[in-house]
Amino acid sequence: MQQFEDIRPYRDDEVRQVVAELVQDLELSRALGKFRHPTLYRWLPGPVTSLVQRALKQELRDVSKIHDVQIVIEKYLDKLIETTTDGLTQSGLENLDTEVSYLFISNHRDITMDPALVNYMLYHHGFDTLQIAIGDNLLKRPFLSRLMKLNKSFIVKRSVQGRDKLAASKQLSAYIRHCIKTGENVWIAQREGRAKDGIDKTESAIIKMLHMAGREGEVRQELHESVNQLNIVPVAISYEFDPCDQYKAIELESIERAGRFDKDENTDVNSILAGMIGQKGTVHVSFGELVKVHDSITAEGAAELIDDQIICLYKLHLVNYLALESIQQDYMDFSRLPEMFGVSAAIVEQKRKELQERLAVMDSKLHPYVLQMYANPVLRKSESQQLRHTHARQLPSS
């Protein structure tokens, strides 16, 4: 494990010291105070912070192992799911084996909630919890770094360049392979950074990185051997409403207008907090089938296979169609939505009103980006279905 010392999560023997540091971290207590008591915190930030710090010390007094930490985190996650969603469901886990370690490659919409919800579903269905890949850009705040590494997160070095970047990719590849070989489930996003435009697409660079350790080993593997050995399972997470939709639209508008978006030191933290405490509507986590590839597969081909599953698995919500209706009224007969979703016309109208109210609090220049963000999953799924139908017609008959 020495080769992974700078990227690995904390071990059980490190937990007590790290917890002691967290309890003393005022920035963590302030963040928890805002989350637990938002109204009171606005009026009495100092006393609320002190109360939270004392409560945190009490809550963590018996925590001595990673498992203990995850039990505490689960309580917070239970509350988040109860207060910020209208229901969390899953599909596909019944087809997976709790005795097998998997590499879950998922679409990426939210910094912390994506892996948290996958982890939650796995844990409550008898699977071991995940080792979670996180970018080093999220570790600028000491308390975030400690919390994430306590929750079995390992580091993806995104800030390195040149030869250091190649070395970091090889190390990451070897670590993920090590986890799978030693019986650990792993979560990694299908791309670097969230899909801010609602288009889920796997970067072939992820597949190439995963293959690096196989190429470097004593018995050098072909790409297909590496992919098949890692037990890759695609995952599609679909949020009815994205708590960060406005933040994402601001970034997209800035890039289109000015050619860039400049983050400040609070950008990622604000996105993390918004993703956690913002209203999400209904949320569904779809687990796919084990990816098995043939011996002539390319990294691009393997990425497309993962994409095919994620697009197919993604659960569309009424809001996706209502957003599309706003920007492309002739796309389909939208009067069929009640029939398509098995709901009344009144429910459709209610969801239309919710979308309009969501847009009303944003600058109007952001509206096209938000609407496109919600509409793109419908368009992407439709394009994928058309490609499959075209391919099926082109196949020779037996």
Protein backbone atom coordinates (compact mmCIF):
# COMPACT_ATOMS: atom_id res chain seq x y z
CA MET A 1 0.00 0.00 0.00
CA GLN A 2 3.01 2.32 0.28
CA GLN A 3 2.69 3.31 -3.38
CA PHE A 4 -0.79 4.70 -2.66
CA GLU A 5 0.08 6.56 0.53
CA ASP A 6 -0.70 10.02 -0.84
CA ILE A 7 -4.07 9.14 -2.41
CA ARG A 8 -5.61 6.47 -0.16
CA PRO A 9 -8.46 7.02 2.35
CA TYR A 10 -7.77 7.00 6.05
CA ARG A 11 -7.26 3.68 7.85
CA ASP A 12 -8.99 2.62 11.07
CA ASP A 13 -5.86 3.39 13.10
CA GLU A 14 -5.94 7.03 11.92
CA VAL A 15 -9.59 7.71 12.71
CA ARG A 16 -9.29 8.93 16.32
CA GLN A 17 -6.69 11.59 15.48
CA VAL A 18 -8.60 12.85 12.44
CA VAL A 19 -11.89 12.99 14.38
CA ALA A 20 -10.17 15.01 17.11
CA GLU A 21 -9.02 17.51 14.47
CA LEU A 22 -12.50 17.72 12.94
CA VAL A 23 -14.14 18.44 16.28
CA GLN A 24 -11.83 21.43 16.71
CA ASP A 25 -12.44 22.72 13.16
CA LEU A 26 -14.68 25.79 13.45
CA GLU A 27 -15.35 25.87 9.70
CA LEU A 28 -17.01 22.43 9.94
CA SER A 29 -19.10 23.48 12.94
CA ARG A 30 -20.22 26.62 11.12
CA ALA A 31 -21.22 24.61 8.02
CA LEU A 32 -23.16 22.13 10.16
CA GLY A 33 -24.80 25.00 12.04
CA LYS A 34 -26.05 26.51 8.79
CA PHE A 35 -27.36 23.10 7.71
CA ARG A 36 -28.98 22.02 10.98
CA HIS A 37 -30.32 25.42 12.17
CA PRO A 38 -30.36 27.79 9.17
CA THR A 39 -32.73 30.42 10.63
CA LEU A 40 -31.18 30.50 14.08
CA TYR A 41 -27.67 30.59 12.60
CA ARG A 42 -28.46 33.79 10.70
CA TRP A 43 -29.25 35.55 13.98
CA LEU A 44 -26.81 33.84 16.36
CA PRO A 45 -23.91 32.36 14.39
CA GLY A 46 -21.46 32.28 17.31
CA PRO A 47 -23.65 30.49 19.88
CA VAL A 48 -24.99 28.07 17.24
CA THR A 49 -21.44 27.20 16.17
CA SER A 50 -20.46 26.52 19.79
CA LEU A 51 -23.52 24.34 20.36
CA VAL A 52 -22.84 22.37 17.19
CA GLN A 53 -19.20 21.89 18.16
CA ARG A 54 -20.18 20.48 21.55
CA ALA A 55 -22.83 18.24 19.95
CA LEU A 56 -20.30 17.04 17.37
CA LYS A 57 -17.82 16.14 20.10
CA GLN A 58 -20.52 14.14 21.87
CA GLU A 59 -21.71 12.46 18.66
CA LEU A 60 -18.21 11.37 17.70
CA ARG A 61 -16.95 10.41 21.13
CA ASP A 62 -17.10 6.64 20.47
CA VAL A 63 -16.00 6.76 16.81
CA SER A 64 -12.81 4.76 16.37
CA LYS A 65 -13.17 3.01 12.98
CA ILE A 66 -14.19 3.93 9.43
CA HIS A 67 -17.37 1.88 9.86
CA ASP A 68 -18.32 4.02 12.88
CA VAL A 69 -17.86 7.15 10.77
CA GLN A 70 -20.11 5.80 8.04
CA ILE A 71 -22.85 5.01 10.57
CA VAL A 72 -22.80 8.66 11.65
CA ILE A 73 -22.80 9.85 8.03
CA GLU A 74 -25.74 7.55 7.29
CA LYS A 75 -27.84 9.38 9.90
CA TYR A 76 -27.18 12.68 8.14
CA LEU A 77 -27.89 11.11 4.77
CA ASP A 78 -31.19 9.67 6.04
CA LYS A 79 -32.20 13.19 7.05
CA LEU A 80 -31.10 14.65 3.72
CA ILE A 81 -33.08 12.07 1.75
CA GLU A 82 -36.15 12.64 3.93
CA THR A 83 -36.05 16.44 3.74
CA THR A 84 -34.72 17.12 0.22
CA THR A 85 -36.31 14.39 -1.92
CA ASP A 86 -39.85 13.22 -2.67
CA GLY A 87 -38.61 9.65 -2.80
CA LEU A 88 -35.45 7.69 -3.57
CA THR A 89 -35.70 4.47 -5.57
CA GLN A 90 -33.34 2.04 -7.28
CA SER A 91 -33.37 -0.69 -9.89
CA GLY A 92 -30.87 -3.31 -11.00
CA LEU A 93 -29.18 -4.28 -7.73
CA GLU A 94 -31.10 -7.54 -7.71
CA ASN A 95 -29.00 -8.61 -10.71
CA LEU A 96 -25.66 -8.05 -8.96
CA ASP A 97 -23.79 -10.31 -6.53
CA THR A 98 -22.91 -9.09 -3.03
CA GLU A 99 -19.87 -11.40 -3.08
CA VAL A 100 -18.34 -9.69 -6.14
CA SER A 101 -16.44 -6.38 -6.08
CA TYR A 102 -17.52 -3.94 -8.79
CA LEU A 103 -16.23 -0.76 -10.39
CA PHE A 104 -19.32 1.43 -10.65
CA ILE A 105 -18.96 4.07 -13.37
CA SER A 106 -21.79 6.58 -13.10
CA ASN A 107 -23.04 9.72 -14.76
CA HIS A 108 -22.03 12.80 -12.82
CA ARG A 109 -24.56 15.46 -11.86
CA ASP A 110 -23.70 16.26 -8.23
CA ILE A 111 -20.29 16.44 -6.51
CA THR A 112 -21.12 14.56 -3.32
CA MET A 113 -24.67 13.24 -3.68
CA ASP A 114 -23.94 11.01 -6.70
CA PRO A 115 -21.55 8.66 -4.85
CA ALA A 116 -23.44 9.12 -1.57
CA LEU A 117 -26.72 7.85 -3.05
CA VAL A 118 -25.03 4.94 -4.85
CA ASN A 119 -23.32 4.08 -1.56
CA TYR A 120 -26.61 4.36 0.34
CA MET A 121 -28.37 1.97 -2.00
CA LEU A 122 -25.53 -0.55 -1.93
CA TYR A 123 -25.33 -0.52 1.87
CA HIS A 124 -29.08 -1.02 2.30
CA HIS A 125 -29.05 -3.96 -0.10
CA GLY A 126 -26.26 -5.88 1.59
CA PHE A 127 -23.27 -4.73 -0.46
CA ASP A 128 -20.00 -3.43 0.95
CA THR A 129 -19.68 0.37 0.88
CA LEU A 130 -17.65 2.10 -1.80
CA GLN A 131 -14.20 3.50 -2.20
CA ILE A 132 -14.99 6.85 -3.85
CA ALA A 133 -12.85 8.77 -6.36
CA ILE A 134 -12.72 12.53 -5.66
CA GLY A 135 -10.78 15.27 -7.42
CA ASP A 136 -8.08 17.09 -5.47
CA ASN A 137 -9.80 20.36 -6.40
CA LEU A 138 -12.33 19.53 -3.67
CA LEU A 139 -9.72 19.24 -0.96
CA LYS A 140 -8.82 22.91 -0.56
CA ARG A 141 -10.77 23.09 2.68
CA PRO A 142 -9.13 20.92 5.38
CA PHE A 143 -12.43 19.80 6.91
CA LEU A 144 -13.76 18.63 3.52
CA SER A 145 -10.57 16.68 2.88
CA ARG A 146 -10.76 14.98 6.26
CA LEU A 147 -14.46 14.18 5.97
CA MET A 148 -14.15 12.70 2.50
CA LYS A 149 -11.10 10.58 3.33
CA LEU A 150 -12.90 9.32 6.44
CA ASN A 151 -15.72 8.24 4.13
CA LYS A 152 -13.43 5.97 2.07
CA SER A 153 -12.61 8.57 -0.61
CA PHE A 154 -9.36 8.38 -2.55
CA ILE A 155 -7.76 11.24 -4.44
CA VAL A 156 -7.69 11.88 -8.18
CA LYS A 157 -4.83 14.32 -8.87
CA ARG A 158 -6.39 16.70 -11.37
CA SER A 159 -4.07 19.62 -10.69
CA VAL A 160 -0.85 17.95 -11.89
CA GLN A 161 0.58 18.41 -15.40
CA GLY A 162 3.06 16.81 -17.81
CA ARG A 163 4.97 13.79 -16.57
CA ASP A 164 3.40 14.13 -13.14
CA LYS A 165 -0.04 13.72 -14.72
CA LEU A 166 1.02 10.48 -16.42
CA ALA A 167 2.48 9.16 -13.15
CA ALA A 168 -0.71 10.14 -11.30
CA SER A 169 -2.87 8.31 -13.86
CA LYS A 170 -0.78 5.16 -13.50
CA GLN A 171 -1.01 5.35 -9.72
CA LEU A 172 -4.78 5.87 -9.87
CA SER A 173 -5.20 2.94 -12.27
CA ALA A 174 -3.15 0.69 -9.99
CA TYR A 175 -5.12 1.76 -6.92
CA ILE A 176 -8.50 1.04 -8.50
CA ARG A 177 -7.24 -2.36 -9.67
CA HIS A 178 -5.89 -3.03 -6.16
CA CYS A 179 -9.30 -2.23 -4.66
CA ILE A 180 -11.15 -4.59 -6.99
CA LYS A 181 -8.63 -7.38 -6.38
CA THR A 182 -8.90 -7.00 -2.61
CA GLY A 183 -12.71 -7.09 -2.59
CA GLU A 184 -13.54 -3.37 -2.45
CA ASN A 185 -16.32 -1.78 -4.49
CA VAL A 186 -15.27 1.44 -6.24
CA TRP A 187 -17.18 4.47 -7.57
CA ILE A 188 -15.81 6.75 -10.26
CA ALA A 189 -17.52 9.34 -12.43
CA GLN A 190 -17.74 8.77 -16.18
CA ARG A 191 -16.04 12.11 -16.79
CA GLU A 192 -13.95 14.80 -15.13
CA GLY A 193 -16.37 17.36 -13.79
CA ARG A 194 -20.16 17.29 -13.72
CA ALA A 195 -22.36 17.15 -16.81
CA LYS A 196 -23.59 20.73 -16.56
CA ASP A 197 -25.57 20.61 -19.81
CA GLY A 198 -27.46 17.41 -18.96
CA ILE A 199 -25.54 15.34 -21.52
CA ASP A 200 -24.00 12.24 -19.92
CA LYS A 201 -20.96 11.05 -21.85
CA THR A 202 -18.12 8.77 -20.76
CA GLU A 203 -14.64 10.09 -21.48
CA SER A 204 -12.49 7.51 -23.27
CA ALA A 205 -9.58 8.87 -21.20
CA ILE A 206 -11.18 7.16 -18.18
CA ILE A 207 -11.00 3.79 -19.96
CA LYS A 208 -7.39 4.42 -21.02
CA MET A 209 -6.49 5.29 -17.44
CA LEU A 210 -8.09 2.10 -16.13
CA HIS A 211 -6.04 0.08 -18.62
CA MET A 212 -2.70 1.58 -17.56
CA ALA A 213 -2.15 -0.78 -14.64
CA GLY A 214 -2.88 -3.79 -16.85
CA ARG A 215 -0.30 -2.63 -19.39
CA GLU A 216 2.32 -2.11 -16.69
CA GLY A 217 1.94 -5.46 -14.91
CA GLU A 218 4.13 -8.53 -15.11
CA VAL A 219 1.55 -10.17 -17.36
CA ARG A 220 0.66 -7.39 -19.78
CA GLN A 221 -3.01 -7.24 -20.63
CA GLU A 222 -4.87 -6.14 -23.69
CA LEU A 223 -7.52 -3.46 -23.24
CA HIS A 224 -10.41 -5.93 -23.32
CA GLU A 225 -8.77 -8.04 -20.60
CA SER A 226 -8.40 -5.01 -18.32
CA VAL A 227 -12.00 -3.90 -18.84
CA ASN A 228 -13.42 -7.37 -18.27
CA GLN A 229 -11.31 -7.94 -15.16
CA LEU A 230 -12.48 -4.75 -13.45
CA ASN A 231 -16.16 -5.80 -13.26
CA ILE A 232 -17.44 -2.48 -14.59
CA VAL A 233 -21.12 -1.71 -13.93
CA PRO A 234 -22.62 1.52 -15.36
CA VAL A 235 -24.93 3.53 -13.09
CA ALA A 236 -27.44 6.24 -14.04
CA ILE A 237 -28.57 8.70 -11.38
CA SER A 238 -31.54 10.88 -12.31
CA TYR A 239 -32.68 13.82 -10.19
CA GLU A 240 -36.10 15.28 -10.96
CA PHE A 241 -34.73 18.71 -10.06
CA ASP A 242 -31.06 19.64 -9.95
CA PRO A 243 -30.32 21.83 -6.89
CA CYS A 244 -27.31 23.24 -8.74
CA ASP A 245 -29.10 24.02 -12.02
CA GLN A 246 -28.72 27.79 -11.55
CA TYR A 247 -25.00 27.50 -10.69
CA LYS A 248 -24.42 25.32 -13.73
CA ALA A 249 -26.33 27.73 -15.98
CA ILE A 250 -24.23 30.65 -14.71
CA GLU A 251 -21.09 28.75 -15.68
CA LEU A 252 -22.43 27.76 -19.11
CA GLU A 253 -23.58 31.32 -19.86
CA SER A 254 -20.22 32.73 -18.81
CA ILE A 255 -18.30 30.30 -21.01
CA GLU A 256 -20.49 31.05 -24.02
CA ARG A 257 -20.33 34.82 -23.50
CA ALA A 258 -16.75 35.33 -22.26
CA GLY A 259 -15.04 32.07 -23.20
CA ARG A 260 -14.31 31.17 -19.59
CA PHE A 261 -15.73 30.80 -16.10
CA ASP A 262 -13.59 31.88 -13.17
CA LYS A 263 -14.11 29.92 -9.96
CA ASP A 264 -13.46 31.50 -6.58
CA GLU A 265 -12.52 29.66 -3.39
CA ASN A 266 -16.19 29.15 -2.47
CA THR A 267 -17.49 27.88 -5.82
CA ASP A 268 -17.08 24.15 -5.14
CA VAL A 269 -18.16 24.43 -1.49
CA ASN A 270 -21.32 26.30 -2.53
CA SER A 271 -22.09 23.61 -5.10
CA ILE A 272 -21.54 20.86 -2.52
CA LEU A 273 -23.86 22.53 0.01
CA ALA A 274 -26.50 23.34 -2.62
CA GLY A 275 -26.42 19.76 -3.89
CA MET A 276 -26.86 18.44 -0.37
CA ILE A 277 -29.61 20.66 1.02
CA GLY A 278 -31.41 21.69 -2.19
CA GLN A 279 -34.74 20.15 -3.18
CA LYS A 280 -34.33 17.29 -5.68
CA GLY A 281 -37.86 15.97 -6.21
CA THR A 282 -37.83 12.24 -6.90
CA VAL A 283 -34.47 10.55 -7.42
CA HIS A 284 -33.76 7.21 -9.05
CA VAL A 285 -30.51 5.21 -9.11
CA SER A 286 -30.33 2.61 -11.92
CA PHE A 287 -27.65 -0.08 -11.79
CA GLY A 288 -26.74 -1.64 -15.12
CA GLU A 289 -25.27 -4.93 -16.24
CA LEU A 290 -21.66 -6.05 -16.07
CA VAL A 291 -19.75 -4.66 -19.06
CA LYS A 292 -18.12 -7.44 -21.08
CA VAL A 293 -16.18 -6.49 -24.20
CA HIS A 294 -14.67 -8.36 -27.16
CA ASP A 295 -10.97 -8.57 -27.95
CA SER A 296 -10.98 -5.87 -30.63
CA ILE A 297 -12.57 -3.17 -28.45
CA THR A 298 -11.06 0.32 -28.32
CA ALA A 299 -11.23 2.75 -25.41
CA GLU A 300 -13.76 4.77 -27.40
CA GLY A 301 -15.81 1.63 -28.04
CA ALA A 302 -15.82 0.67 -24.35
CA ALA A 303 -16.89 4.23 -23.43
CA GLU A 304 -19.77 3.97 -25.91
CA LEU A 305 -20.94 0.70 -24.34
CA ILE A 306 -21.06 2.39 -20.94
CA ASP A 307 -22.89 5.37 -22.46
CA ASP A 308 -25.46 3.08 -24.09
CA GLN A 309 -26.36 1.61 -20.71
CA ILE A 310 -26.40 4.93 -18.84
CA ILE A 311 -28.64 6.57 -21.45
CA CYS A 312 -30.97 3.56 -21.48
CA LEU A 313 -31.06 3.35 -17.66
CA TYR A 314 -31.63 7.07 -17.08
CA LYS A 315 -35.13 7.63 -15.70
CA LEU A 316 -36.83 10.57 -17.41
CA HIS A 317 -39.09 12.81 -15.34
CA LEU A 318 -42.02 14.97 -16.37
CA VAL A 319 -39.84 18.06 -15.94
CA ASN A 320 -37.51 16.81 -18.68
CA TYR A 321 -40.37 16.77 -21.19
CA LEU A 322 -41.82 20.05 -19.93
CA ALA A 323 -38.45 21.75 -20.42
CA LEU A 324 -38.29 20.35 -23.94
CA GLU A 325 -41.83 21.60 -24.59
CA SER A 326 -40.67 25.13 -23.68
CA ILE A 327 -37.90 25.18 -26.27
CA GLN A 328 -39.17 22.82 -28.97
CA GLN A 329 -42.97 22.70 -29.01
CA ASP A 330 -43.15 20.72 -32.24
CA TYR A 331 -40.92 17.90 -30.95
CA MET A 332 -43.93 15.72 -30.06
CA ASP A 333 -47.54 15.86 -28.98
CA PHE A 334 -47.04 17.02 -25.40
CA SER A 335 -50.75 16.58 -24.63
CA ARG A 336 -49.88 12.86 -24.33
CA LEU A 337 -47.76 13.41 -21.20
CA PRO A 338 -50.50 12.36 -18.73
CA GLU A 339 -50.87 9.08 -20.62
CA MET A 340 -47.10 8.56 -20.91
CA PHE A 341 -46.53 9.01 -17.17
CA GLY A 342 -49.80 7.56 -15.92
CA VAL A 343 -50.80 10.79 -14.13
CA SER A 344 -53.61 13.30 -14.38
CA ALA A 345 -53.48 16.46 -16.47
CA ALA A 346 -53.57 18.37 -13.17
CA ILE A 347 -50.30 16.74 -12.08
CA VAL A 348 -48.67 17.70 -15.37
CA GLU A 349 -49.86 21.28 -14.91
CA GLN A 350 -48.54 21.29 -11.35
CA LYS A 351 -45.08 20.18 -12.54
CA ARG A 352 -45.18 22.80 -15.31
CA LYS A 353 -45.87 25.43 -12.65
CA GLU A 354 -42.98 24.12 -10.49
CA LEU A 355 -40.60 24.50 -13.43
CA GLN A 356 -41.87 28.01 -14.15
CA GLU A 357 -41.46 29.00 -10.50
CA ARG A 358 -37.93 27.62 -10.52
CA LEU A 359 -37.06 29.75 -13.55
CA ALA A 360 -38.76 32.84 -12.14
CA VAL A 361 -36.13 33.26 -9.39
CA MET A 362 -33.28 33.18 -11.92
CA ASP A 363 -31.95 35.82 -14.28
CA SER A 364 -33.82 35.41 -17.57
CA LYS A 365 -30.54 35.05 -19.48
CA LEU A 366 -30.04 31.73 -17.67
CA HIS A 367 -33.41 30.26 -18.71
CA PRO A 368 -32.28 28.79 -22.06
CA TYR A 369 -29.39 26.97 -20.37
CA VAL A 370 -31.55 25.54 -17.60
CA LEU A 371 -34.27 24.42 -20.01
CA GLN A 372 -31.74 22.78 -22.33
CA MET A 373 -30.11 21.10 -19.33
CA TYR A 374 -33.40 19.40 -18.42
CA ALA A 375 -34.41 18.70 -22.03
CA ASN A 376 -31.15 17.08 -23.15
CA PRO A 377 -31.74 13.70 -21.45
CA VAL A 378 -34.92 13.27 -23.53
CA LEU A 379 -33.11 14.18 -26.75
CA ARG A 380 -30.14 11.95 -25.88
CA LYS A 381 -32.34 8.95 -25.13
CA SER A 382 -34.29 9.49 -28.35
CA GLU A 383 -31.08 9.72 -30.42
CA SER A 384 -29.77 6.53 -28.81
CA GLN A 385 -32.99 4.64 -29.56
CA GLN A 386 -32.94 5.81 -33.19
CA LEU A 387 -29.32 4.63 -33.57
CA ARG A 388 -30.18 1.22 -32.12
CA HIS A 389 -33.16 0.86 -34.48
CA THR A 390 -31.02 1.88 -37.46
CA HIS A 391 -28.32 -0.60 -36.47
CA ALA A 392 -30.89 -3.39 -36.02
CA ARG A 393 -32.31 -2.78 -39.51
CA GLN A 394 -28.81 -2.95 -40.99
CA LEU A 395 -28.02 -6.33 -39.46
CA PRO A 396 -28.23 -9.24 -41.96
CA SER A 397 -31.16 -11.56 -41.40
CA SER A 398 -30.35 -15.13 -40.41
